[in-house]
Amino acid sequence: MNTMNGNDLIALGYRPAKWFAEALEHINENSLDENQITAYLEQFKQPELIPLHETAKDFVINIRAEHESENDNVEKVINTMKVLMKTPTLVAGAIMPDACPTGPAGQIPVGGVVVAKNAIHPGFHSADICCSVMLTDFGKADPKEVLDAAHSITHFGYGGRPRGEQMEMSQELMDAFRANDFLNDEKLISIARSHMGTQGDGNHFLFVGISKNTGNTMLVTHHGSRAPGAALYDKGMKVANQFRIENSPETLRENAWIPYDSEEGKSYWKALQLIRTWTKENHISIHDATLHKLGIEKEDRYWNEHNFVFKDGDLFYHAKGATPLDDKFMPDITGPRLIPLNMSEPVLIVKGTTNERNLGFAPHGAGRNFSRSQHKKSLAHKTIEEVFEEETKGLDVRFFTNEIDISELPTAYKSAKNVRAQIEEYGLCEVLDEVMPYGCIMAGDVQKNAPWKKKKKFRK
């Protein structure tokens, strides 16, 4: 008999899979005849392909255009959900008032919540796993002193902290990383150590404000799991895509999933929890160092992620920019939840319960109507300094790189007033307090004087 190859297995009705190499080696080394091949391949019998839902599963729309400029955004968000909700694993969904599209039709929007049965979709939490907010109550501390101290401690921009300035990652967490198949990677662990105490770029921030209820000074940080989370996302997407190719090739690549009841699914779920722990440690390291520098004891602290996967029995709630309200989603719940809007608006402190409209979630912020580049073009008739002066009047707003990023100024985001009105209109949550803005720190335009650009100029 001629040597058997992959095309022969495909001709027998098998779909390409990881076991092909092992099977072909066994068949050819043992010169199996036709009957023996049939008997041997029985162990690799593949299940029927999983098709898309014929019609999109229902989802709740908690958003409407308040202005002509929002029409396109809202239409795209609803259209992408209609495609997304045909994904075979999905059973329910909702979109929040701050929703905005993230890519082509079928890709989960920011402000989207989808519920999958026995499946984890890495593409639904994206690379910024566990993007989250933490609040620490500094009592009657001077807000300027808190912002100054925090500015001397935090770190924004690409990469981690230089040697000698790194913040400690707990040994217990490093050991847990090494015990997990997805995180047992010394390069990843080294990055996790160097990125502890960093906040990245984009819309991540360090905000200082005053509680409307108590007059106390509050420090709020916003960031995700940085490079270690991004590394886990890359690994998770590769595994999910392999399952997609083998089981549901009709599913869009970005919507691929890892079955929870698989060995990989259990391991990925544990990896997500470890990345969550890392992210929380990251917030705490910045807050505690600021407290220590000022010689202050915290009066209160709470946090919540808004870009994560939450488990309830065999249902997995994927929140792509949505704040969990239901206590069952947070094993370490210590207080209410946080919804930041923009640097000139208060951070909302909220509570809520699960209802038929919210699936147990609230908005995570103000969202965008336009891309960063579109927003910058709309302001091209003004200088960057003019825009900054107009939009930050009365606030102590700083950029870590000393380069103003106008795509993070208030007009880059949806109307905070409209988002709040729709929170109330749709009964999503209740506002308990507001942290009125004093000032904030963001990365700034990290591209403008990036090291690689300087090198490029030097070579010329």
Protein backbone atom coordinates (compact mmCIF):
# COMPACT_ATOMS: atom_id res chain seq x y z
CA MET A 1 0.00 0.00 0.00
CA ASN A 2 1.22 3.52 -0.78
CA THR A 3 2.15 5.84 2.05
CA MET A 4 -0.95 7.51 3.44
CA ASN A 5 -1.07 11.31 3.81
CA GLY A 6 -3.36 14.01 5.16
CA ASN A 7 -5.30 14.31 1.90
CA ASP A 8 -6.22 10.63 2.22
CA LEU A 9 -7.66 11.24 5.69
CA ILE A 10 -9.63 14.20 4.36
CA ALA A 11 -10.94 12.01 1.52
CA LEU A 12 -12.19 9.57 4.16
CA GLY A 13 -14.28 12.38 5.63
CA TYR A 14 -12.01 13.60 8.44
CA ARG A 15 -11.41 17.30 9.02
CA PRO A 16 -7.80 18.45 9.52
CA ALA A 17 -6.89 18.11 13.20
CA LYS A 18 -3.91 17.90 15.55
CA TRP A 19 -4.09 14.09 15.67
CA PHE A 20 -3.42 13.70 11.90
CA ALA A 21 0.36 13.47 12.37
CA GLU A 22 0.12 10.81 15.08
CA ALA A 23 -2.41 8.76 13.11
CA LEU A 24 -0.48 8.88 9.84
CA GLU A 25 2.72 7.83 11.58
CA HIS A 26 0.97 4.82 13.15
CA ILE A 27 -0.78 3.77 9.92
CA ASN A 28 2.34 4.01 7.76
CA GLU A 29 4.78 2.44 10.24
CA ASN A 30 2.48 -0.53 10.74
CA SER A 31 1.38 -0.81 7.07
CA LEU A 32 -2.26 -1.14 8.09
CA ASP A 33 -4.70 -2.49 5.51
CA GLU A 34 -8.03 -0.85 4.69
CA ASN A 35 -10.02 -2.65 7.37
CA GLN A 36 -7.37 -2.01 10.00
CA ILE A 37 -7.26 1.68 9.07
CA THR A 38 -11.03 1.96 9.44
CA ALA A 39 -10.92 0.29 12.86
CA TYR A 40 -7.95 2.39 14.02
CA LEU A 41 -9.50 5.70 12.93
CA GLU A 42 -12.72 5.00 14.82
CA GLN A 43 -11.12 6.51 17.95
CA PHE A 44 -10.75 9.81 16.09
CA LYS A 45 -14.37 10.04 15.02
CA GLN A 46 -15.26 13.72 14.89
CA PRO A 47 -18.50 15.29 16.04
CA GLU A 48 -20.75 17.10 13.62
CA LEU A 49 -19.71 20.67 12.85
CA ILE A 50 -21.45 23.28 14.97
CA PRO A 51 -23.36 25.73 12.74
CA LEU A 52 -24.15 29.37 13.44
CA HIS A 53 -27.58 30.17 14.85
CA GLU A 54 -29.96 30.60 11.91
CA THR A 55 -31.24 33.83 13.43
CA ALA A 56 -29.48 36.07 15.92
CA LYS A 57 -30.30 35.44 19.57
CA ASP A 58 -32.20 38.30 21.21
CA PHE A 59 -30.24 41.07 22.87
CA VAL A 60 -31.37 44.11 24.88
CA ILE A 61 -30.69 47.56 23.47
CA ASN A 62 -29.99 50.10 26.24
CA ILE A 63 -28.84 52.87 23.92
CA ARG A 64 -30.31 55.40 21.52
CA ALA A 65 -28.90 58.28 19.53
CA GLU A 66 -29.38 61.56 21.38
CA HIS A 67 -27.92 63.60 18.53
CA GLU A 68 -27.44 63.27 14.79
CA SER A 69 -23.71 62.73 15.35
CA GLU A 70 -24.52 59.52 17.28
CA ASN A 71 -26.71 57.89 14.62
CA ASP A 72 -23.89 56.13 12.79
CA ASN A 73 -22.33 54.87 16.02
CA VAL A 74 -25.58 53.40 17.36
CA GLU A 75 -26.47 51.83 14.01
CA LYS A 76 -23.06 50.13 13.78
CA VAL A 77 -23.29 48.85 17.36
CA ILE A 78 -26.70 47.27 16.75
CA ASN A 79 -25.62 45.79 13.41
CA THR A 80 -22.47 44.23 14.84
CA MET A 81 -24.52 42.67 17.65
CA LYS A 82 -26.94 41.16 15.11
CA VAL A 83 -24.03 39.32 13.48
CA LEU A 84 -22.31 38.51 16.78
CA MET A 85 -25.44 36.95 18.29
CA LYS A 86 -25.41 34.20 15.64
CA THR A 87 -22.34 32.72 17.34
CA PRO A 88 -23.35 29.14 18.34
CA THR A 89 -22.51 29.40 22.04
CA LEU A 90 -24.44 32.61 22.76
CA VAL A 91 -27.78 32.64 24.56
CA ALA A 92 -28.29 36.30 25.55
CA GLY A 93 -26.80 39.76 25.18
CA ALA A 94 -27.14 43.47 25.95
CA ILE A 95 -25.60 46.75 24.87
CA MET A 96 -25.03 49.69 27.21
CA PRO A 97 -25.48 53.46 26.71
CA ASP A 98 -21.71 53.93 26.24
CA ALA A 99 -21.45 51.33 23.46
CA CYS A 100 -19.25 51.89 20.42
CA PRO A 101 -18.00 49.56 17.65
CA THR A 102 -14.52 48.02 17.80
CA GLY A 103 -14.18 46.57 14.30
CA PRO A 104 -16.08 44.89 11.47
CA ALA A 105 -19.63 43.56 11.84
CA GLY A 106 -19.72 40.59 14.20
CA GLN A 107 -17.01 41.86 16.55
CA ILE A 108 -18.21 42.53 20.09
CA PRO A 109 -18.60 46.28 20.72
CA VAL A 110 -17.28 48.17 23.70
CA GLY A 111 -20.28 48.37 26.01
CA GLY A 112 -21.42 44.90 24.99
CA VAL A 113 -22.37 42.01 27.28
CA VAL A 114 -22.88 38.51 25.87
CA VAL A 115 -23.69 35.26 27.67
CA ALA A 116 -22.15 32.00 26.38
CA LYS A 117 -22.99 28.49 27.51
CA ASN A 118 -19.99 26.42 28.63
CA ALA A 119 -17.60 28.51 26.53
CA ILE A 120 -14.93 31.17 27.04
CA HIS A 121 -14.32 33.56 24.15
CA PRO A 122 -10.89 35.27 24.41
CA GLY A 123 -11.87 37.73 21.67
CA PHE A 124 -14.69 39.03 23.84
CA HIS A 125 -12.34 40.24 26.60
CA SER A 126 -9.62 41.24 24.11
CA ALA A 127 -5.96 41.87 24.95
CA ASP A 128 -6.72 44.30 27.78
CA ILE A 129 -7.91 41.52 30.09
CA CYS A 130 -9.37 42.75 33.39
CA CYS A 131 -9.31 46.45 32.53
CA SER A 132 -10.53 47.79 35.86
CA VAL A 133 -10.86 50.70 38.29
CA MET A 134 -9.85 50.99 41.95
CA LEU A 135 -10.76 53.71 44.46
CA THR A 136 -8.95 54.53 47.71
CA ASP A 137 -10.39 57.04 50.19
CA PHE A 138 -7.58 59.35 51.45
CA GLY A 139 -9.79 61.11 54.00
CA LYS A 140 -9.30 64.88 54.21
CA ALA A 141 -5.93 64.87 52.44
CA ASP A 142 -5.11 67.80 50.15
CA PRO A 143 -6.00 66.64 46.59
CA LYS A 144 -2.95 68.41 45.11
CA GLU A 145 -0.64 66.61 47.53
CA VAL A 146 -2.26 63.28 46.62
CA LEU A 147 -1.93 63.97 42.88
CA ASP A 148 1.69 65.11 43.28
CA ALA A 149 2.60 62.03 45.32
CA ALA A 150 0.84 59.69 42.90
CA HIS A 151 2.57 61.40 39.95
CA SER A 152 5.96 60.65 41.50
CA ILE A 153 5.02 56.99 41.92
CA THR A 154 2.92 55.83 38.96
CA HIS A 155 4.29 54.90 35.53
CA PHE A 156 2.60 55.33 32.14
CA GLY A 157 3.68 54.46 28.62
CA TYR A 158 5.11 51.45 26.82
CA GLY A 159 6.99 48.69 28.58
CA GLY A 160 7.67 48.14 32.24
CA ARG A 161 9.60 49.94 34.92
CA PRO A 162 13.39 50.13 34.63
CA ARG A 163 15.46 47.98 36.97
CA GLY A 164 15.78 49.56 40.38
CA GLU A 165 12.31 51.11 40.14
CA GLN A 166 10.23 47.96 39.87
CA MET A 167 7.42 47.19 42.30
CA GLU A 168 7.26 43.75 43.86
CA MET A 169 5.09 40.98 42.43
CA SER A 170 4.16 38.52 45.17
CA GLN A 171 6.02 35.21 45.24
CA GLU A 172 2.73 33.39 45.74
CA LEU A 173 1.40 34.80 42.48
CA MET A 174 4.60 33.96 40.57
CA ASP A 175 4.35 30.37 41.83
CA ALA A 176 0.70 30.22 40.72
CA PHE A 177 1.69 31.46 37.24
CA ARG A 178 4.26 28.65 37.00
CA ALA A 179 1.61 26.08 37.93
CA ASN A 180 -0.69 27.11 35.06
CA ASP A 181 -0.24 25.77 31.51
CA PHE A 182 -1.03 29.14 29.91
CA LEU A 183 1.13 31.27 32.23
CA ASN A 184 4.09 28.93 32.88
CA ASP A 185 6.42 31.00 30.72
CA GLU A 186 9.49 32.62 32.28
CA LYS A 187 9.50 35.44 29.73
CA LEU A 188 5.86 36.20 30.54
CA ILE A 189 6.60 36.10 34.29
CA SER A 190 9.57 38.42 33.84
CA ILE A 191 7.33 40.88 31.98
CA ALA A 192 4.68 40.57 34.70
CA ARG A 193 7.29 41.53 37.28
CA SER A 194 8.55 44.55 35.33
CA HIS A 195 5.02 45.78 34.52
CA MET A 196 3.85 45.76 38.15
CA GLY A 197 3.01 49.36 39.10
CA THR A 198 2.47 50.53 35.50
CA GLN A 199 -0.65 51.85 33.80
CA GLY A 200 0.06 51.77 30.06
CA ASP A 201 -1.43 54.32 27.70
CA GLY A 202 -4.67 55.03 25.81
CA ASN A 203 -7.63 55.83 28.07
CA HIS A 204 -5.98 54.59 31.26
CA PHE A 205 -5.65 57.20 33.97
CA LEU A 206 -4.94 58.18 37.56
CA PHE A 207 -7.72 60.49 38.82
CA VAL A 208 -7.98 62.51 42.03
CA GLY A 209 -11.27 64.03 43.15
CA ILE A 210 -13.50 64.91 46.07
CA SER A 211 -16.47 62.85 47.25
CA LYS A 212 -19.68 64.84 46.87
CA ASN A 213 -21.11 63.10 49.95
CA THR A 214 -18.21 63.21 52.39
CA GLY A 215 -15.75 65.79 51.08
CA ASN A 216 -12.98 63.20 51.29
CA THR A 217 -10.20 63.01 48.71
CA MET A 218 -10.37 59.93 46.49
CA LEU A 219 -7.70 58.37 44.27
CA VAL A 220 -9.00 56.32 41.32
CA THR A 221 -6.81 54.32 38.94
CA HIS A 222 -7.87 52.78 35.63
CA HIS A 223 -5.82 50.16 33.78
CA GLY A 224 -5.79 46.50 32.83
CA SER A 225 -3.39 43.58 32.97
CA ARG A 226 -0.78 45.15 30.71
CA ALA A 227 1.63 42.87 28.79
CA PRO A 228 1.04 39.66 30.81
CA GLY A 229 -2.68 39.91 30.03
CA ALA A 230 -1.97 40.57 26.37
CA ALA A 231 0.29 37.49 26.27
CA LEU A 232 -2.46 35.33 27.77
CA TYR A 233 -4.94 36.71 25.24
CA ASP A 234 -2.64 35.75 22.34
CA LYS A 235 -2.27 32.22 23.67
CA GLY A 236 -5.99 31.93 24.34
CA MET A 237 -6.90 33.07 20.82
CA LYS A 238 -4.60 30.46 19.27
CA VAL A 239 -6.22 27.67 21.28
CA ALA A 240 -9.73 29.00 20.61
CA ASN A 241 -9.06 29.24 16.90
CA GLN A 242 -7.89 25.63 16.78
CA PHE A 243 -11.18 24.56 18.36
CA ARG A 244 -13.02 26.79 15.87
CA ILE A 245 -11.30 25.22 12.86
CA GLU A 246 -12.10 21.74 14.11
CA ASN A 247 -15.63 22.33 15.41
CA SER A 248 -17.22 25.47 13.96
CA PRO A 249 -15.38 26.93 10.95
CA GLU A 250 -18.40 29.13 10.13
CA THR A 251 -17.78 31.07 13.34
CA LEU A 252 -15.83 34.30 12.83
CA ARG A 253 -12.22 33.98 13.93
CA GLU A 254 -12.54 36.78 16.49
CA ASN A 255 -15.52 34.95 18.04
CA ALA A 256 -13.74 31.60 18.50
CA TRP A 257 -14.16 29.91 21.86
CA ILE A 258 -12.52 27.42 24.21
CA PRO A 259 -15.01 24.83 25.54
CA TYR A 260 -15.03 25.17 29.31
CA ASP A 261 -15.35 21.41 29.83
CA SER A 262 -12.07 20.80 27.98
CA GLU A 263 -8.69 20.60 29.72
CA GLU A 264 -7.71 23.82 27.96
CA GLY A 265 -10.93 25.50 29.08
CA LYS A 266 -10.36 24.75 32.76
CA SER A 267 -6.74 25.90 32.53
CA TYR A 268 -7.65 29.11 30.68
CA TRP A 269 -10.31 29.94 33.26
CA LYS A 270 -7.73 29.57 36.05
CA ALA A 271 -5.28 31.70 34.07
CA LEU A 272 -7.90 34.45 33.79
CA GLN A 273 -8.33 34.45 37.57
CA LEU A 274 -4.57 34.73 38.07
CA ILE A 275 -4.35 37.64 35.63
CA ARG A 276 -7.23 39.23 37.56
CA THR A 277 -5.21 38.83 40.78
CA TRP A 278 -2.14 40.35 39.10
CA THR A 279 -4.17 43.35 37.93
CA LYS A 280 -5.60 43.94 41.39
CA GLU A 281 -2.07 43.75 42.87
CA ASN A 282 -0.99 46.29 40.27
CA HIS A 283 -3.66 48.79 41.37
CA ILE A 284 -2.88 48.19 45.04
CA SER A 285 0.85 48.72 44.56
CA ILE A 286 0.27 52.25 43.19
CA HIS A 287 -2.35 53.17 45.80
CA ASP A 288 -0.37 51.81 48.76
CA ALA A 289 2.85 53.51 47.66
CA THR A 290 1.01 56.83 47.43
CA LEU A 291 -0.50 56.35 50.91
CA HIS A 292 2.93 55.45 52.28
CA LYS A 293 4.60 58.50 50.74
CA LEU A 294 2.02 60.78 52.37
CA GLY A 295 2.00 58.86 55.67
CA ILE A 296 -1.77 58.29 55.41
CA GLU A 297 -3.91 55.27 56.31
CA LYS A 298 -6.69 54.50 53.84
CA GLU A 299 -10.27 55.02 55.01
CA ASP A 300 -11.86 52.77 52.40
CA ARG A 301 -11.08 50.93 49.17
CA TYR A 302 -13.00 49.04 46.49
CA TRP A 303 -12.57 48.07 42.90
CA ASN A 304 -14.21 46.37 39.96
CA GLU A 305 -13.14 45.12 36.58
CA HIS A 306 -15.19 46.09 33.52
CA ASN A 307 -13.54 44.03 30.82
CA PHE A 308 -13.62 40.39 31.86
CA VAL A 309 -15.46 37.06 31.88
CA PHE A 310 -17.75 36.14 34.77
CA LYS A 311 -19.03 32.63 35.55
CA ASP A 312 -22.46 31.67 36.87
CA GLY A 313 -22.95 27.90 36.70
CA ASP A 314 -22.51 26.87 33.06
CA LEU A 315 -23.03 30.44 31.80
CA PHE A 316 -20.10 32.74 31.04
CA TYR A 317 -20.89 36.46 30.99
CA HIS A 318 -18.42 38.30 28.76
CA ALA A 319 -18.36 42.03 29.50
CA LYS A 320 -16.47 44.04 26.91
CA GLY A 321 -16.55 47.35 28.74
CA ALA A 322 -19.44 46.85 31.16
CA THR A 323 -19.49 47.17 34.96
CA PRO A 324 -20.61 44.09 36.96
CA LEU A 325 -23.36 44.91 39.45
CA ASP A 326 -24.39 41.49 40.74
CA ASP A 327 -22.30 40.34 43.72
CA LYS A 328 -22.14 36.81 42.28
CA PHE A 329 -19.73 38.09 39.63
CA MET A 330 -17.14 39.34 42.13
CA PRO A 331 -15.73 36.90 44.71
CA ASP A 332 -13.92 39.69 46.60
CA ILE A 333 -16.66 42.32 46.66
CA THR A 334 -15.98 45.03 49.29
CA GLY A 335 -18.12 47.98 48.19
CA PRO A 336 -20.07 49.65 45.40
CA ARG A 337 -18.94 49.91 41.77
CA LEU A 338 -17.17 52.66 39.82
CA ILE A 339 -18.10 54.23 36.48
CA PRO A 340 -15.63 56.89 35.24
CA LEU A 341 -16.90 59.24 32.50
CA ASN A 342 -14.16 61.66 31.41
CA MET A 343 -11.49 63.78 33.11
CA SER A 344 -13.83 66.77 33.54
CA GLU A 345 -16.76 64.74 34.88
CA PRO A 346 -17.24 62.90 38.18
CA VAL A 347 -16.50 59.23 38.68
CA LEU A 348 -19.85 57.70 39.55
CA ILE A 349 -20.13 55.39 42.57
CA VAL A 350 -23.06 53.08 41.87
CA LYS A 351 -24.95 50.01 42.99
CA GLY A 352 -27.55 47.87 41.25
CA THR A 353 -29.23 44.52 40.89
CA THR A 354 -29.78 42.19 37.97
CA ASN A 355 -32.87 42.96 35.91
CA GLU A 356 -34.23 41.96 32.50
CA ARG A 357 -32.51 44.89 30.79
CA ASN A 358 -29.01 44.89 32.27
CA LEU A 359 -28.15 41.17 32.71
CA GLY A 360 -26.42 42.26 35.94
CA PHE A 361 -24.24 44.99 34.36
CA ALA A 362 -24.04 48.77 33.91
CA PRO A 363 -22.03 50.99 31.54
CA HIS A 364 -18.30 51.27 32.18
CA GLY A 365 -17.80 54.88 31.09
CA ALA A 366 -18.72 57.36 28.39
CA GLY A 367 -17.58 55.55 25.22
CA ARG A 368 -16.74 57.23 21.92
CA ASN A 369 -18.78 58.37 18.92
CA PHE A 370 -15.73 58.81 16.68
CA SER A 371 -12.32 57.21 16.33
CA ARG A 372 -9.27 58.97 17.75
CA SER A 373 -8.12 60.05 14.28
CA GLN A 374 -11.58 61.38 13.35
CA HIS A 375 -11.70 63.38 16.55
CA LYS A 376 -8.25 64.88 15.93
CA LYS A 377 -9.27 65.88 12.39
CA SER A 378 -12.38 67.62 13.72
CA LEU A 379 -10.13 69.85 15.86
CA ALA A 380 -7.48 70.54 13.22
CA HIS A 381 -8.51 74.23 13.02
CA LYS A 382 -7.19 74.76 16.57
CA THR A 383 -3.77 74.29 18.10
CA ILE A 384 -3.28 71.43 20.54
CA GLU A 385 -2.59 73.97 23.28
CA GLU A 386 -5.86 75.82 22.55
CA VAL A 387 -7.88 72.62 22.74
CA PHE A 388 -6.17 71.62 25.98
CA GLU A 389 -6.78 75.03 27.57
CA GLU A 390 -10.48 75.01 26.64
CA GLU A 391 -11.22 71.46 27.77
CA THR A 392 -9.27 71.29 31.05
CA LYS A 393 -10.06 74.72 32.50
CA GLY A 394 -10.07 74.62 36.29
CA LEU A 395 -8.53 71.13 36.42
CA ASP A 396 -5.01 69.90 37.17
CA VAL A 397 -4.56 67.66 34.12
CA ARG A 398 -1.13 66.17 33.42
CA PHE A 399 0.32 63.94 30.73
CA PHE A 400 3.09 61.61 31.88
CA THR A 401 5.02 62.03 28.62
CA ASN A 402 4.53 65.81 28.69
CA GLU A 403 2.88 65.47 25.27
CA ILE A 404 -0.81 66.43 25.15
CA ASP A 405 -3.11 63.75 23.71
CA ILE A 406 -6.25 65.56 22.52
CA SER A 407 -7.88 62.20 21.71
CA GLU A 408 -8.27 61.71 25.48
CA LEU A 409 -9.77 65.10 26.27
CA PRO A 410 -13.48 65.36 27.20
CA THR A 411 -14.90 66.09 23.73
CA ALA A 412 -13.34 62.85 22.46
CA TYR A 413 -16.02 60.99 24.41
CA LYS A 414 -19.78 60.75 24.34
CA SER A 415 -21.79 63.24 26.33
CA ALA A 416 -21.53 62.20 29.97
CA LYS A 417 -24.89 63.87 30.57
CA ASN A 418 -26.56 61.67 27.93
CA VAL A 419 -24.96 58.47 29.25
CA ARG A 420 -26.18 59.28 32.76
CA ALA A 421 -29.66 60.07 31.46
CA GLN A 422 -29.85 56.72 29.68
CA ILE A 423 -28.60 54.87 32.77
CA GLU A 424 -31.64 56.28 34.56
CA GLU A 425 -34.02 55.85 31.60
CA TYR A 426 -33.23 52.14 31.21
CA GLY A 427 -33.02 51.48 34.96
CA LEU A 428 -29.48 50.09 34.79
CA CYS A 429 -28.13 51.15 38.21
CA GLU A 430 -28.38 53.74 40.99
CA VAL A 431 -25.83 56.51 41.61
CA LEU A 432 -24.79 56.63 45.31
CA ASP A 433 -22.05 59.27 45.19
CA GLU A 434 -19.90 61.23 42.77
CA VAL A 435 -16.15 61.84 42.92
CA MET A 436 -15.91 65.42 41.67
CA PRO A 437 -12.79 66.00 39.54
CA TYR A 438 -9.72 67.80 40.85
CA GLY A 439 -7.17 66.51 38.35
CA CYS A 440 -5.74 63.47 36.61
CA ILE A 441 -2.69 61.95 34.97
CA MET A 442 -2.73 60.12 31.61
CA ALA A 443 0.02 58.76 29.41
CA GLY A 444 -0.23 61.47 26.76
CA ASP A 445 0.85 61.11 23.14
CA VAL A 446 3.26 58.19 23.51
CA GLN A 447 3.94 58.12 19.76
CA LYS A 448 5.22 61.68 19.37
CA ASN A 449 8.71 61.22 20.76
CA ALA A 450 8.86 57.42 20.80
CA PRO A 451 12.44 56.06 21.04
CA TRP A 452 12.18 54.17 17.75
CA LYS A 453 11.15 57.39 15.97
CA LYS A 454 14.16 59.19 17.39
CA LYS A 455 16.44 56.39 16.18
CA LYS A 456 14.88 56.58 12.74
CA LYS A 457 15.51 60.31 12.55
CA PHE A 458 19.10 59.80 13.75
CA ARG A 459 19.80 57.24 10.98
CA LYS A 460 18.79 59.80 8.39
